[in-house]
Amino acid sequence: MTIREQIEETEYLTLSPYATKARETKGREIKKPLCDIRTEFQRDRDKIIHSKSFRRLKHKTQVFISPEGDHYRTRLTHTLEVSQIGRTIARSLRLNEDLVEAISLGHDLGHTPFGHAGENALNILSPYGFRHNEQSVRVVDTIEKLNLTYEVRDGILHHTGGGTASTPEGKIIKFADRIAYINHDIDDAIRAGVLSLSSIPGEIIEVLGSTHSERISCMIKNCVKASSNSPEISMTGKVKEAMDALRKFMFDNVYVIGSDAKIEETKVYNIMEGLYSYYITHPEALPDVDVSTMDAEAIERCVCDYIAGMSDRYAIYVFNKLYIPSSWGHNGI
């Protein structure tokens, strides 16, 4: 037996009957020879980590736009925290940890610069709309051409929004994502002076805990307990109610437009609109794209792809290059 076959056999012996076994994957659109060492889900994880889109996450906003401090989260560190939380839940439930890791690492590959402010701007500007989960699938399918398995693509698509992933591992990511961003955004907001721990309603703290680690542990344990011996992933009781109340508190006090954390977002739309307008008008300026044979919809899609792929600082750089006049030497005068 190869190492991969040994791992696949171990999955059958040790994982829950509800777990998605790598050997039973629905496969890839383009079939490839199997690896002797890694399972198909492990290969997907590695494909994502080595992609350019994954590397660009380090300079994309989570909540605070272009933060100066080294300790604020970016879209990359958010992704890693989602992966950690997801793998903890998966291991506790004896589900496929490799599949959870691959989905979590790929779930935000399609996110725009400037976080949800950038996403909302493109959704307004594009006549076809824009949603980062759908763009993440487009990234792995069309832009990076990673040829991932069905289960990973399905989990990426359904990590947010009204749809539901077809695997329990995919369902974990929706909870892991929420647990991660609620808690690390509190941490960042307190660091920035936008929130204080005392401003969080006491009844929420009483249920979930007063520290970052206590709240994460409480939510994870509740999810594991509520989801044991079931193909469904859920949270229940007072912990679920407190988490929902905490999420609403964050939307009302941190995520809302005009809050101290989001004050710069009023400028984001202008940048995104400027970039979008320029490239729609000058599609020939898109790098590495031949627009001569494209119709209007295909060109629009390429414009969204290019802008969505930018990091915060690259979007600002391009905007300045396009719209801000360069200074001329004044020869000492």
C-alpha atoms as a PDB file:
ATOM      1  CA  MET A   1       0.000   0.000   0.000  1.00  0.00           C
ATOM      2  CA  THR A   2       1.126   3.555  -0.691  1.00  0.00           C
ATOM      3  CA  ILE A   3       1.248   6.116   2.115  1.00  0.00           C
ATOM      4  CA  ARG A   4      -1.891   7.708   0.670  1.00  0.00           C
ATOM      5  CA  GLU A   5      -3.712   4.386   0.744  1.00  0.00           C
ATOM      6  CA  GLN A   6      -2.659   3.848   4.346  1.00  0.00           C
ATOM      7  CA  ILE A   7      -4.039   7.281   5.286  1.00  0.00           C
ATOM      8  CA  GLU A   8      -7.284   6.531   3.454  1.00  0.00           C
ATOM      9  CA  GLU A   9      -7.595   3.210   5.271  1.00  0.00           C
ATOM     10  CA  THR A  10      -6.995   4.944   8.608  1.00  0.00           C
ATOM     11  CA  GLU A  11      -9.822   7.355   7.810  1.00  0.00           C
ATOM     12  CA  TYR A  12     -12.231   4.418   7.499  1.00  0.00           C
ATOM     13  CA  LEU A  13     -11.038   2.952  10.791  1.00  0.00           C
ATOM     14  CA  THR A  14     -11.000   6.116  12.882  1.00  0.00           C
ATOM     15  CA  LEU A  15     -13.318   8.779  11.473  1.00  0.00           C
ATOM     16  CA  SER A  16     -17.019   9.199  12.196  1.00  0.00           C
ATOM     17  CA  PRO A  17     -19.449   7.422   9.856  1.00  0.00           C
ATOM     18  CA  TYR A  18     -20.639  10.913   8.916  1.00  0.00           C
ATOM     19  CA  ALA A  19     -17.141  12.056   7.877  1.00  0.00           C
ATOM     20  CA  THR A  20     -16.277  12.644   4.239  1.00  0.00           C
ATOM     21  CA  LYS A  21     -13.637  10.100   3.292  1.00  0.00           C
ATOM     22  CA  ALA A  22     -10.960  11.206   0.842  1.00  0.00           C
ATOM     23  CA  ARG A  23     -11.291   7.959  -1.086  1.00  0.00           C
ATOM     24  CA  GLU A  24     -14.953   8.763  -1.757  1.00  0.00           C
ATOM     25  CA  THR A  25     -14.430  12.238  -3.175  1.00  0.00           C
ATOM     26  CA  LYS A  26     -16.546  13.188  -6.176  1.00  0.00           C
ATOM     27  CA  GLY A  27     -13.259  14.146  -7.742  1.00  0.00           C
ATOM     28  CA  ARG A  28     -11.933  16.943  -9.931  1.00  0.00           C
ATOM     29  CA  GLU A  29     -13.238  18.353 -13.166  1.00  0.00           C
ATOM     30  CA  ILE A  30      -9.951  17.365 -14.796  1.00  0.00           C
ATOM     31  CA  LYS A  31      -8.812  13.968 -13.580  1.00  0.00           C
ATOM     32  CA  LYS A  32      -5.195  13.682 -12.480  1.00  0.00           C
ATOM     33  CA  PRO A  33      -3.109  10.709 -11.310  1.00  0.00           C
ATOM     34  CA  LEU A  34      -3.367  10.177  -7.564  1.00  0.00           C
ATOM     35  CA  CYS A  35      -0.463  11.131  -5.313  1.00  0.00           C
ATOM     36  CA  ASP A  36       1.450   8.329  -3.592  1.00  0.00           C
ATOM     37  CA  ILE A  37       1.735  10.320  -0.345  1.00  0.00           C
ATOM     38  CA  ARG A  38      -1.174  12.757  -0.018  1.00  0.00           C
ATOM     39  CA  THR A  39      -4.927  12.267  -0.157  1.00  0.00           C
ATOM     40  CA  GLU A  40      -6.953  14.369  -2.572  1.00  0.00           C
ATOM     41  CA  PHE A  41      -7.992  16.801   0.174  1.00  0.00           C
ATOM     42  CA  GLN A  42      -4.404  17.176   1.346  1.00  0.00           C
ATOM     43  CA  ARG A  43      -3.385  17.996  -2.219  1.00  0.00           C
ATOM     44  CA  ASP A  44      -6.091  20.678  -2.376  1.00  0.00           C
ATOM     45  CA  ARG A  45      -4.798  22.236   0.834  1.00  0.00           C
ATOM     46  CA  ASP A  46      -1.305  22.420  -0.665  1.00  0.00           C
ATOM     47  CA  LYS A  47      -2.555  23.839  -3.973  1.00  0.00           C
ATOM     48  CA  ILE A  48      -4.286  26.660  -2.101  1.00  0.00           C
ATOM     49  CA  ILE A  49      -1.333  27.500   0.138  1.00  0.00           C
ATOM     50  CA  HIS A  50       0.982  27.781  -2.882  1.00  0.00           C
ATOM     51  CA  SER A  51      -1.401  29.998  -4.874  1.00  0.00           C
ATOM     52  CA  LYS A  52      -0.771  33.686  -5.520  1.00  0.00           C
ATOM     53  CA  SER A  53      -4.251  34.572  -4.274  1.00  0.00           C
ATOM     54  CA  PHE A  54      -3.460  33.062  -0.875  1.00  0.00           C
ATOM     55  CA  ARG A  55      -0.280  35.128  -0.556  1.00  0.00           C
ATOM     56  CA  ARG A  56      -2.129  38.352  -1.357  1.00  0.00           C
ATOM     57  CA  LEU A  57      -4.431  37.856   1.634  1.00  0.00           C
ATOM     58  CA  LYS A  58      -1.663  39.176   3.891  1.00  0.00           C
ATOM     59  CA  HIS A  59      -2.272  42.716   2.581  1.00  0.00           C
ATOM     60  CA  LYS A  60      -6.075  42.632   2.476  1.00  0.00           C
ATOM     61  CA  THR A  61      -8.244  44.255   5.124  1.00  0.00           C
ATOM     62  CA  GLN A  62     -10.130  42.273   7.718  1.00  0.00           C
ATOM     63  CA  VAL A  63     -11.919  45.144   9.519  1.00  0.00           C
ATOM     64  CA  PHE A  64      -9.435  47.993   9.989  1.00  0.00           C
ATOM     65  CA  ILE A  65      -8.378  49.454   6.653  1.00  0.00           C
ATOM     66  CA  SER A  66      -4.587  49.691   6.242  1.00  0.00           C
ATOM     67  CA  PRO A  67      -3.893  49.358   9.985  1.00  0.00           C
ATOM     68  CA  GLU A  68      -0.541  50.658  11.175  1.00  0.00           C
ATOM     69  CA  GLY A  69      -0.073  48.280  14.114  1.00  0.00           C
ATOM     70  CA  ASP A  70       1.557  44.904  13.581  1.00  0.00           C
ATOM     71  CA  HIS A  71      -0.990  43.037  15.697  1.00  0.00           C
ATOM     72  CA  TYR A  72      -4.184  43.817  13.807  1.00  0.00           C
ATOM     73  CA  ARG A  73      -5.695  40.968  11.818  1.00  0.00           C
ATOM     74  CA  THR A  74      -5.513  40.844   8.054  1.00  0.00           C
ATOM     75  CA  ARG A  75      -7.505  38.595   5.767  1.00  0.00           C
ATOM     76  CA  LEU A  76      -4.635  36.093   5.927  1.00  0.00           C
ATOM     77  CA  THR A  77      -4.456  35.866   9.716  1.00  0.00           C
ATOM     78  CA  HIS A  78      -8.249  35.632   9.800  1.00  0.00           C
ATOM     79  CA  THR A  79      -8.014  32.680   7.415  1.00  0.00           C
ATOM     80  CA  LEU A  80      -5.480  30.948   9.658  1.00  0.00           C
ATOM     81  CA  GLU A  81      -7.698  31.447  12.712  1.00  0.00           C
ATOM     82  CA  VAL A  82     -10.680  29.997  10.849  1.00  0.00           C
ATOM     83  CA  SER A  83      -8.515  27.007   9.945  1.00  0.00           C
ATOM     84  CA  GLN A  84      -7.452  26.453  13.554  1.00  0.00           C
ATOM     85  CA  ILE A  85     -11.010  26.665  14.873  1.00  0.00           C
ATOM     86  CA  GLY A  86     -12.367  24.487  12.094  1.00  0.00           C
ATOM     87  CA  ARG A  87      -9.734  21.804  12.602  1.00  0.00           C
ATOM     88  CA  THR A  88     -10.376  21.752  16.357  1.00  0.00           C
ATOM     89  CA  ILE A  89     -14.088  21.165  15.766  1.00  0.00           C
ATOM     90  CA  ALA A  90     -13.430  18.562  13.063  1.00  0.00           C
ATOM     91  CA  ARG A  91     -10.974  16.598  15.185  1.00  0.00           C
ATOM     92  CA  SER A  92     -13.346  16.624  18.158  1.00  0.00           C
ATOM     93  CA  LEU A  93     -16.175  15.282  15.981  1.00  0.00           C
ATOM     94  CA  ARG A  94     -13.906  12.789  14.160  1.00  0.00           C
ATOM     95  CA  LEU A  95     -14.631  14.460  10.830  1.00  0.00           C
ATOM     96  CA  ASN A  96     -12.130  14.925   8.011  1.00  0.00           C
ATOM     97  CA  GLU A  97      -9.649  17.505   9.265  1.00  0.00           C
ATOM     98  CA  ASP A  98      -7.832  17.697   5.920  1.00  0.00           C
ATOM     99  CA  LEU A  99     -11.028  18.656   4.106  1.00  0.00           C
ATOM    100  CA  VAL A 100     -11.855  21.295   6.722  1.00  0.00           C
ATOM    101  CA  GLU A 101      -8.360  22.745   6.446  1.00  0.00           C
ATOM    102  CA  ALA A 102      -8.519  22.977   2.654  1.00  0.00           C
ATOM    103  CA  ILE A 103     -11.923  24.702   2.690  1.00  0.00           C
ATOM    104  CA  SER A 104     -10.925  27.132   5.422  1.00  0.00           C
ATOM    105  CA  LEU A 105      -7.688  28.143   3.699  1.00  0.00           C
ATOM    106  CA  GLY A 106      -9.547  28.773   0.437  1.00  0.00           C
ATOM    107  CA  HIS A 107     -12.757  30.329   1.697  1.00  0.00           C
ATOM    108  CA  ASP A 108     -11.702  33.999   1.306  1.00  0.00           C
ATOM    109  CA  LEU A 109      -9.433  33.803  -1.754  1.00  0.00           C
ATOM    110  CA  GLY A 110     -11.941  35.892  -3.695  1.00  0.00           C
ATOM    111  CA  HIS A 111     -12.221  38.663  -1.137  1.00  0.00           C
ATOM    112  CA  THR A 112     -11.680  42.189  -2.365  1.00  0.00           C
ATOM    113  CA  PRO A 113      -9.282  44.827  -1.061  1.00  0.00           C
ATOM    114  CA  PHE A 114     -10.725  46.855   1.846  1.00  0.00           C
ATOM    115  CA  GLY A 115     -12.760  43.968   3.257  1.00  0.00           C
ATOM    116  CA  HIS A 116     -16.540  44.033   3.033  1.00  0.00           C
ATOM    117  CA  ALA A 117     -16.484  47.712   2.068  1.00  0.00           C
ATOM    118  CA  GLY A 118     -14.688  46.743  -1.123  1.00  0.00           C
ATOM    119  CA  GLU A 119     -17.051  43.826  -1.683  1.00  0.00           C
ATOM    120  CA  ASN A 120     -20.104  46.057  -1.233  1.00  0.00           C
ATOM    121  CA  ALA A 121     -18.650  48.593  -3.673  1.00  0.00           C
ATOM    122  CA  LEU A 122     -18.109  46.006  -6.416  1.00  0.00           C
ATOM    123  CA  ASN A 123     -21.560  44.576  -5.762  1.00  0.00           C
ATOM    124  CA  ILE A 124     -23.016  48.028  -6.458  1.00  0.00           C
ATOM    125  CA  LEU A 125     -20.765  48.829  -9.409  1.00  0.00           C
ATOM    126  CA  SER A 126     -21.107  45.551 -11.281  1.00  0.00           C
ATOM    127  CA  PRO A 127     -24.418  45.028 -13.103  1.00  0.00           C
ATOM    128  CA  TYR A 128     -24.029  41.311 -12.351  1.00  0.00           C
ATOM    129  CA  GLY A 129     -23.387  41.780  -8.629  1.00  0.00           C
ATOM    130  CA  PHE A 130     -20.407  40.569  -6.643  1.00  0.00           C
ATOM    131  CA  ARG A 131     -20.156  38.118  -3.739  1.00  0.00           C
ATOM    132  CA  HIS A 132     -16.810  37.105  -2.342  1.00  0.00           C
ATOM    133  CA  ASN A 133     -17.738  33.439  -1.807  1.00  0.00           C
ATOM    134  CA  GLU A 134     -18.691  33.080  -5.472  1.00  0.00           C
ATOM    135  CA  GLN A 135     -15.521  34.933  -6.450  1.00  0.00           C
ATOM    136  CA  SER A 136     -13.454  32.553  -4.296  1.00  0.00           C
ATOM    137  CA  VAL A 137     -14.745  29.654  -6.384  1.00  0.00           C
ATOM    138  CA  ARG A 138     -13.989  31.622  -9.548  1.00  0.00           C
ATOM    139  CA  VAL A 139     -10.443  32.195  -8.284  1.00  0.00           C
ATOM    140  CA  VAL A 140      -9.734  28.504  -7.734  1.00  0.00           C
ATOM    141  CA  ASP A 141     -11.533  27.413 -10.919  1.00  0.00           C
ATOM    142  CA  THR A 142     -10.801  30.034 -13.560  1.00  0.00           C
ATOM    143  CA  ILE A 143      -8.093  32.404 -12.374  1.00  0.00           C
ATOM    144  CA  GLU A 144      -5.671  30.123 -10.522  1.00  0.00           C
ATOM    145  CA  LYS A 145      -6.949  26.958 -12.260  1.00  0.00           C
ATOM    146  CA  LEU A 146      -6.305  24.829  -9.179  1.00  0.00           C
ATOM    147  CA  ASN A 147      -8.671  22.045 -10.288  1.00  0.00           C
ATOM    148  CA  LEU A 148      -9.858  21.342  -6.739  1.00  0.00           C
ATOM    149  CA  THR A 149     -12.155  18.537  -5.642  1.00  0.00           C
ATOM    150  CA  TYR A 150     -15.906  19.020  -5.600  1.00  0.00           C
ATOM    151  CA  GLU A 151     -16.087  18.902  -1.790  1.00  0.00           C
ATOM    152  CA  VAL A 152     -13.573  21.719  -1.282  1.00  0.00           C
ATOM    153  CA  ARG A 153     -15.208  23.924  -3.919  1.00  0.00           C
ATOM    154  CA  ASP A 154     -18.638  23.270  -2.422  1.00  0.00           C
ATOM    155  CA  GLY A 155     -17.439  24.207   1.068  1.00  0.00           C
ATOM    156  CA  ILE A 156     -15.826  27.411  -0.192  1.00  0.00           C
ATOM    157  CA  LEU A 157     -19.001  28.444  -2.016  1.00  0.00           C
ATOM    158  CA  HIS A 158     -21.281  27.820   0.959  1.00  0.00           C
ATOM    159  CA  HIS A 159     -19.149  29.199   3.801  1.00  0.00           C
ATOM    160  CA  THR A 160     -21.452  32.238   3.903  1.00  0.00           C
ATOM    161  CA  GLY A 161     -24.877  33.166   2.619  1.00  0.00           C
ATOM    162  CA  GLY A 162     -28.104  31.212   2.590  1.00  0.00           C
ATOM    163  CA  GLY A 163     -26.810  28.015   1.001  1.00  0.00           C
ATOM    164  CA  THR A 164     -25.625  24.945   2.896  1.00  0.00           C
ATOM    165  CA  ALA A 165     -22.541  22.871   2.172  1.00  0.00           C
ATOM    166  CA  SER A 166     -23.116  19.260   1.170  1.00  0.00           C
ATOM    167  CA  THR A 167     -20.569  17.868   3.673  1.00  0.00           C
ATOM    168  CA  PRO A 168     -20.404  18.218   7.460  1.00  0.00           C
ATOM    169  CA  GLU A 169     -16.854  19.517   7.014  1.00  0.00           C
ATOM    170  CA  GLY A 170     -18.136  22.304   4.787  1.00  0.00           C
ATOM    171  CA  LYS A 171     -20.822  23.125   7.340  1.00  0.00           C
ATOM    172  CA  ILE A 172     -18.144  23.497  10.014  1.00  0.00           C
ATOM    173  CA  ILE A 173     -16.543  26.392   8.130  1.00  0.00           C
ATOM    174  CA  LYS A 174     -19.655  28.569   8.375  1.00  0.00           C
ATOM    175  CA  PHE A 175     -19.445  28.288  12.172  1.00  0.00           C
ATOM    176  CA  ALA A 176     -15.653  28.498  12.347  1.00  0.00           C
ATOM    177  CA  ASP A 177     -15.674  31.660  10.218  1.00  0.00           C
ATOM    178  CA  ARG A 178     -18.236  33.335  12.479  1.00  0.00           C
ATOM    179  CA  ILE A 179     -16.522  32.260  15.701  1.00  0.00           C
ATOM    180  CA  ALA A 180     -13.208  33.569  14.386  1.00  0.00           C
ATOM    181  CA  TYR A 181     -14.266  36.977  13.137  1.00  0.00           C
ATOM    182  CA  ILE A 182     -16.559  37.852  16.038  1.00  0.00           C
ATOM    183  CA  ASN A 183     -13.815  37.193  18.548  1.00  0.00           C
ATOM    184  CA  HIS A 184     -10.763  38.558  16.773  1.00  0.00           C
ATOM    185  CA  ASP A 185     -12.660  41.667  15.715  1.00  0.00           C
ATOM    186  CA  ILE A 186     -13.450  42.335  19.380  1.00  0.00           C
ATOM    187  CA  ASP A 187      -9.756  41.940  20.158  1.00  0.00           C
ATOM    188  CA  ASP A 188      -8.758  44.356  17.379  1.00  0.00           C
ATOM    189  CA  ALA A 189     -11.470  46.869  18.283  1.00  0.00           C
ATOM    190  CA  ILE A 190     -10.328  46.946  21.910  1.00  0.00           C
ATOM    191  CA  ARG A 191      -6.712  47.364  20.788  1.00  0.00           C
ATOM    192  CA  ALA A 192      -7.773  50.286  18.599  1.00  0.00           C
ATOM    193  CA  GLY A 193      -9.748  51.940  21.384  1.00  0.00           C
ATOM    194  CA  VAL A 194     -13.008  51.526  19.469  1.00  0.00           C
ATOM    195  CA  LEU A 195     -14.441  49.210  22.126  1.00  0.00           C
ATOM    196  CA  SER A 196     -13.771  48.454  25.741  1.00  0.00           C
ATOM    197  CA  LEU A 197     -14.576  45.135  27.363  1.00  0.00           C
ATOM    198  CA  SER A 198     -16.990  46.963  29.662  1.00  0.00           C
ATOM    199  CA  SER A 199     -19.015  48.153  26.637  1.00  0.00           C
ATOM    200  CA  ILE A 200     -19.996  44.560  25.763  1.00  0.00           C
ATOM    201  CA  PRO A 201     -23.310  43.720  27.464  1.00  0.00           C
ATOM    202  CA  GLY A 202     -22.729  41.914  30.741  1.00  0.00           C
ATOM    203  CA  GLU A 203     -25.210  39.140  29.995  1.00  0.00           C
ATOM    204  CA  ILE A 204     -23.132  38.165  26.947  1.00  0.00           C
ATOM    205  CA  ILE A 205     -19.877  38.144  28.910  1.00  0.00           C
ATOM    206  CA  GLU A 206     -21.518  36.090  31.642  1.00  0.00           C
ATOM    207  CA  VAL A 207     -22.354  33.304  29.188  1.00  0.00           C
ATOM    208  CA  LEU A 208     -19.355  33.389  26.837  1.00  0.00           C
ATOM    209  CA  GLY A 209     -16.512  34.590  29.084  1.00  0.00           C
ATOM    210  CA  SER A 210     -14.518  37.735  29.688  1.00  0.00           C
ATOM    211  CA  THR A 211     -11.384  36.845  27.700  1.00  0.00           C
ATOM    212  CA  HIS A 212     -10.669  36.099  24.047  1.00  0.00           C
ATOM    213  CA  SER A 213      -9.729  32.478  24.753  1.00  0.00           C
ATOM    214  CA  GLU A 214     -12.688  31.871  27.071  1.00  0.00           C
ATOM    215  CA  ARG A 215     -15.184  33.040  24.442  1.00  0.00           C
ATOM    216  CA  ILE A 216     -13.642  30.977  21.643  1.00  0.00           C
ATOM    217  CA  SER A 217     -13.452  27.877  23.847  1.00  0.00           C
ATOM    218  CA  CYS A 218     -17.058  28.304  24.948  1.00  0.00           C
ATOM    219  CA  MET A 219     -18.340  28.565  21.382  1.00  0.00           C
ATOM    220  CA  ILE A 220     -16.250  25.663  20.086  1.00  0.00           C
ATOM    221  CA  LYS A 221     -17.301  23.363  22.945  1.00  0.00           C
ATOM    222  CA  ASN A 222     -20.953  24.207  22.388  1.00  0.00           C
ATOM    223  CA  CYS A 223     -20.639  23.482  18.670  1.00  0.00           C
ATOM    224  CA  VAL A 224     -18.932  20.148  19.345  1.00  0.00           C
ATOM    225  CA  LYS A 225     -21.523  19.115  21.930  1.00  0.00           C
ATOM    226  CA  ALA A 226     -24.486  20.142  19.763  1.00  0.00           C
ATOM    227  CA  SER A 227     -23.077  18.388  16.690  1.00  0.00           C
ATOM    228  CA  SER A 228     -21.935  15.077  18.189  1.00  0.00           C
ATOM    229  CA  ASN A 229     -23.265  11.928  16.520  1.00  0.00           C
ATOM    230  CA  SER A 230     -24.980  13.911  13.784  1.00  0.00           C
ATOM    231  CA  PRO A 231     -24.299  14.791  10.145  1.00  0.00           C
ATOM    232  CA  GLU A 232     -25.431  18.347  10.941  1.00  0.00           C
ATOM    233  CA  ILE A 233     -23.293  21.079  12.527  1.00  0.00           C
ATOM    234  CA  SER A 234     -25.023  23.407  14.960  1.00  0.00           C
ATOM    235  CA  MET A 235     -24.913  25.452  18.150  1.00  0.00           C
ATOM    236  CA  THR A 236     -27.638  25.519  20.765  1.00  0.00           C
ATOM    237  CA  GLY A 237     -28.999  27.081  23.926  1.00  0.00           C
ATOM    238  CA  LYS A 238     -27.705  30.102  25.781  1.00  0.00           C
ATOM    239  CA  VAL A 239     -24.322  30.002  24.039  1.00  0.00           C
ATOM    240  CA  LYS A 240     -25.942  30.229  20.595  1.00  0.00           C
ATOM    241  CA  GLU A 241     -28.181  33.059  21.805  1.00  0.00           C
ATOM    242  CA  ALA A 242     -25.223  34.906  23.341  1.00  0.00           C
ATOM    243  CA  MET A 243     -23.120  34.491  20.201  1.00  0.00           C
ATOM    244  CA  ASP A 244     -25.938  35.859  18.036  1.00  0.00           C
ATOM    245  CA  ALA A 245     -26.356  38.784  20.442  1.00  0.00           C
ATOM    246  CA  LEU A 246     -22.605  39.452  20.361  1.00  0.00           C
ATOM    247  CA  ARG A 247     -22.590  39.377  16.552  1.00  0.00           C
ATOM    248  CA  LYS A 248     -25.452  41.902  16.489  1.00  0.00           C
ATOM    249  CA  PHE A 249     -23.568  44.072  18.991  1.00  0.00           C
ATOM    250  CA  MET A 250     -20.543  44.061  16.687  1.00  0.00           C
ATOM    251  CA  PHE A 251     -22.617  44.981  13.650  1.00  0.00           C
ATOM    252  CA  ASP A 252     -24.268  47.819  15.580  1.00  0.00           C
ATOM    253  CA  ASN A 253     -21.066  49.204  17.099  1.00  0.00           C
ATOM    254  CA  VAL A 254     -18.052  48.197  14.973  1.00  0.00           C
ATOM    255  CA  TYR A 255     -19.099  47.015  11.512  1.00  0.00           C
ATOM    256  CA  VAL A 256     -21.676  49.759  10.927  1.00  0.00           C
ATOM    257  CA  ILE A 257     -20.705  52.474   8.463  1.00  0.00           C
ATOM    258  CA  GLY A 258     -19.679  55.595  10.356  1.00  0.00           C
ATOM    259  CA  SER A 259     -18.274  53.826  13.390  1.00  0.00           C
ATOM    260  CA  ASP A 260     -14.735  54.705  14.459  1.00  0.00           C
ATOM    261  CA  ALA A 261     -13.515  51.404  13.010  1.00  0.00           C
ATOM    262  CA  LYS A 262     -15.139  52.011   9.630  1.00  0.00           C
ATOM    263  CA  ILE A 263     -14.680  55.755   9.219  1.00  0.00           C
ATOM    264  CA  GLU A 264     -12.288  55.320   6.287  1.00  0.00           C
ATOM    265  CA  GLU A 265     -14.831  53.227   4.397  1.00  0.00           C
ATOM    266  CA  THR A 266     -16.455  56.372   3.057  1.00  0.00           C
ATOM    267  CA  LYS A 267     -13.305  56.711   0.911  1.00  0.00           C
ATOM    268  CA  VAL A 268     -13.241  53.086  -0.205  1.00  0.00           C
ATOM    269  CA  TYR A 269     -16.158  53.419  -2.614  1.00  0.00           C
ATOM    270  CA  ASN A 270     -14.448  56.316  -4.378  1.00  0.00           C
ATOM    271  CA  ILE A 271     -11.305  54.218  -4.922  1.00  0.00           C
ATOM    272  CA  MET A 272     -13.229  51.177  -6.121  1.00  0.00           C
ATOM    273  CA  GLU A 273     -15.440  53.292  -8.396  1.00  0.00           C
ATOM    274  CA  GLY A 274     -12.401  55.029  -9.856  1.00  0.00           C
ATOM    275  CA  LEU A 275     -10.671  51.741 -10.609  1.00  0.00           C
ATOM    276  CA  TYR A 276     -13.814  50.134 -12.004  1.00  0.00           C
ATOM    277  CA  SER A 277     -14.661  53.110 -14.216  1.00  0.00           C
ATOM    278  CA  TYR A 278     -11.153  53.313 -15.630  1.00  0.00           C
ATOM    279  CA  TYR A 279     -10.823  49.647 -16.555  1.00  0.00           C
ATOM    280  CA  ILE A 280     -14.353  49.382 -17.953  1.00  0.00           C
ATOM    281  CA  THR A 281     -13.496  52.342 -20.186  1.00  0.00           C
ATOM    282  CA  HIS A 282      -9.958  51.113 -20.927  1.00  0.00           C
ATOM    283  CA  PRO A 283     -10.133  47.296 -20.816  1.00  0.00           C
ATOM    284  CA  GLU A 284      -7.024  47.087 -22.984  1.00  0.00           C
ATOM    285  CA  ALA A 285      -5.103  48.268 -19.889  1.00  0.00           C
ATOM    286  CA  LEU A 286      -5.915  45.041 -18.045  1.00  0.00           C
ATOM    287  CA  PRO A 287      -2.673  43.060 -17.748  1.00  0.00           C
ATOM    288  CA  ASP A 288      -2.339  39.670 -19.441  1.00  0.00           C
ATOM    289  CA  VAL A 289      -5.829  39.844 -20.955  1.00  0.00           C
ATOM    290  CA  ASP A 290      -6.767  39.940 -24.645  1.00  0.00           C
ATOM    291  CA  VAL A 291     -10.117  41.728 -24.737  1.00  0.00           C
ATOM    292  CA  SER A 292     -10.304  41.972 -28.524  1.00  0.00           C
ATOM    293  CA  THR A 293     -12.616  38.951 -28.818  1.00  0.00           C
ATOM    294  CA  MET A 294     -14.580  39.461 -25.573  1.00  0.00           C
ATOM    295  CA  ASP A 295     -18.157  40.678 -25.245  1.00  0.00           C
ATOM    296  CA  ALA A 296     -19.171  43.306 -22.677  1.00  0.00           C
ATOM    297  CA  GLU A 297     -20.051  40.773 -19.984  1.00  0.00           C
ATOM    298  CA  ALA A 298     -16.716  38.964 -20.281  1.00  0.00           C
ATOM    299  CA  ILE A 299     -14.826  42.261 -20.105  1.00  0.00           C
ATOM    300  CA  GLU A 300     -16.792  43.305 -17.040  1.00  0.00           C
ATOM    301  CA  ARG A 301     -15.975  39.991 -15.412  1.00  0.00           C
ATOM    302  CA  CYS A 302     -12.258  40.487 -16.083  1.00  0.00           C
ATOM    303  CA  VAL A 303     -12.405  43.983 -14.594  1.00  0.00           C
ATOM    304  CA  CYS A 304     -13.972  42.625 -11.396  1.00  0.00           C
ATOM    305  CA  ASP A 305     -11.408  39.809 -11.298  1.00  0.00           C
ATOM    306  CA  TYR A 306      -8.520  42.249 -11.549  1.00  0.00           C
ATOM    307  CA  ILE A 307      -9.810  44.706  -8.954  1.00  0.00           C
ATOM    308  CA  ALA A 308     -10.947  42.005  -6.521  1.00  0.00           C
ATOM    309  CA  GLY A 309      -7.506  40.417  -6.683  1.00  0.00           C
ATOM    310  CA  MET A 310      -5.735  43.605  -5.587  1.00  0.00           C
ATOM    311  CA  SER A 311      -4.339  44.058  -2.102  1.00  0.00           C
ATOM    312  CA  ASP A 312      -5.296  47.227  -0.236  1.00  0.00           C
ATOM    313  CA  ARG A 313      -2.000  48.927  -0.891  1.00  0.00           C
ATOM    314  CA  TYR A 314      -1.886  47.942  -4.576  1.00  0.00           C
ATOM    315  CA  ALA A 315      -5.407  49.297  -5.123  1.00  0.00           C
ATOM    316  CA  ILE A 316      -4.341  52.593  -3.546  1.00  0.00           C
ATOM    317  CA  TYR A 317      -1.159  52.619  -5.649  1.00  0.00           C
ATOM    318  CA  VAL A 318      -3.040  52.059  -8.913  1.00  0.00           C
ATOM    319  CA  PHE A 319      -5.704  54.625  -8.012  1.00  0.00           C
ATOM    320  CA  ASN A 320      -3.036  57.229  -7.272  1.00  0.00           C
ATOM    321  CA  LYS A 321      -1.209  56.395 -10.492  1.00  0.00           C
ATOM    322  CA  LEU A 322      -4.392  56.822 -12.511  1.00  0.00           C
ATOM    323  CA  TYR A 323      -5.918  59.858 -10.833  1.00  0.00           C
ATOM    324  CA  ILE A 324      -3.358  61.758  -8.746  1.00  0.00           C
ATOM    325  CA  PRO A 325      -0.975  64.041 -10.685  1.00  0.00           C
ATOM    326  CA  SER A 326       2.730  63.356 -10.241  1.00  0.00           C
ATOM    327  CA  SER A 327       4.860  66.162  -8.844  1.00  0.00           C
ATOM    328  CA  TRP A 328       7.423  67.891 -11.090  1.00  0.00           C
ATOM    329  CA  GLY A 329      10.869  68.897  -9.838  1.00  0.00           C
ATOM    330  CA  HIS A 330      10.918  72.492  -8.662  1.00  0.00           C
ATOM    331  CA  ASN A 331      14.716  73.074  -8.992  1.00  0.00           C
ATOM    332  CA  GLY A 332      14.888  74.650  -5.591  1.00  0.00           C
ATOM    333  CA  ILE A 333      12.260  77.315  -6.308  1.00  0.00           C
END
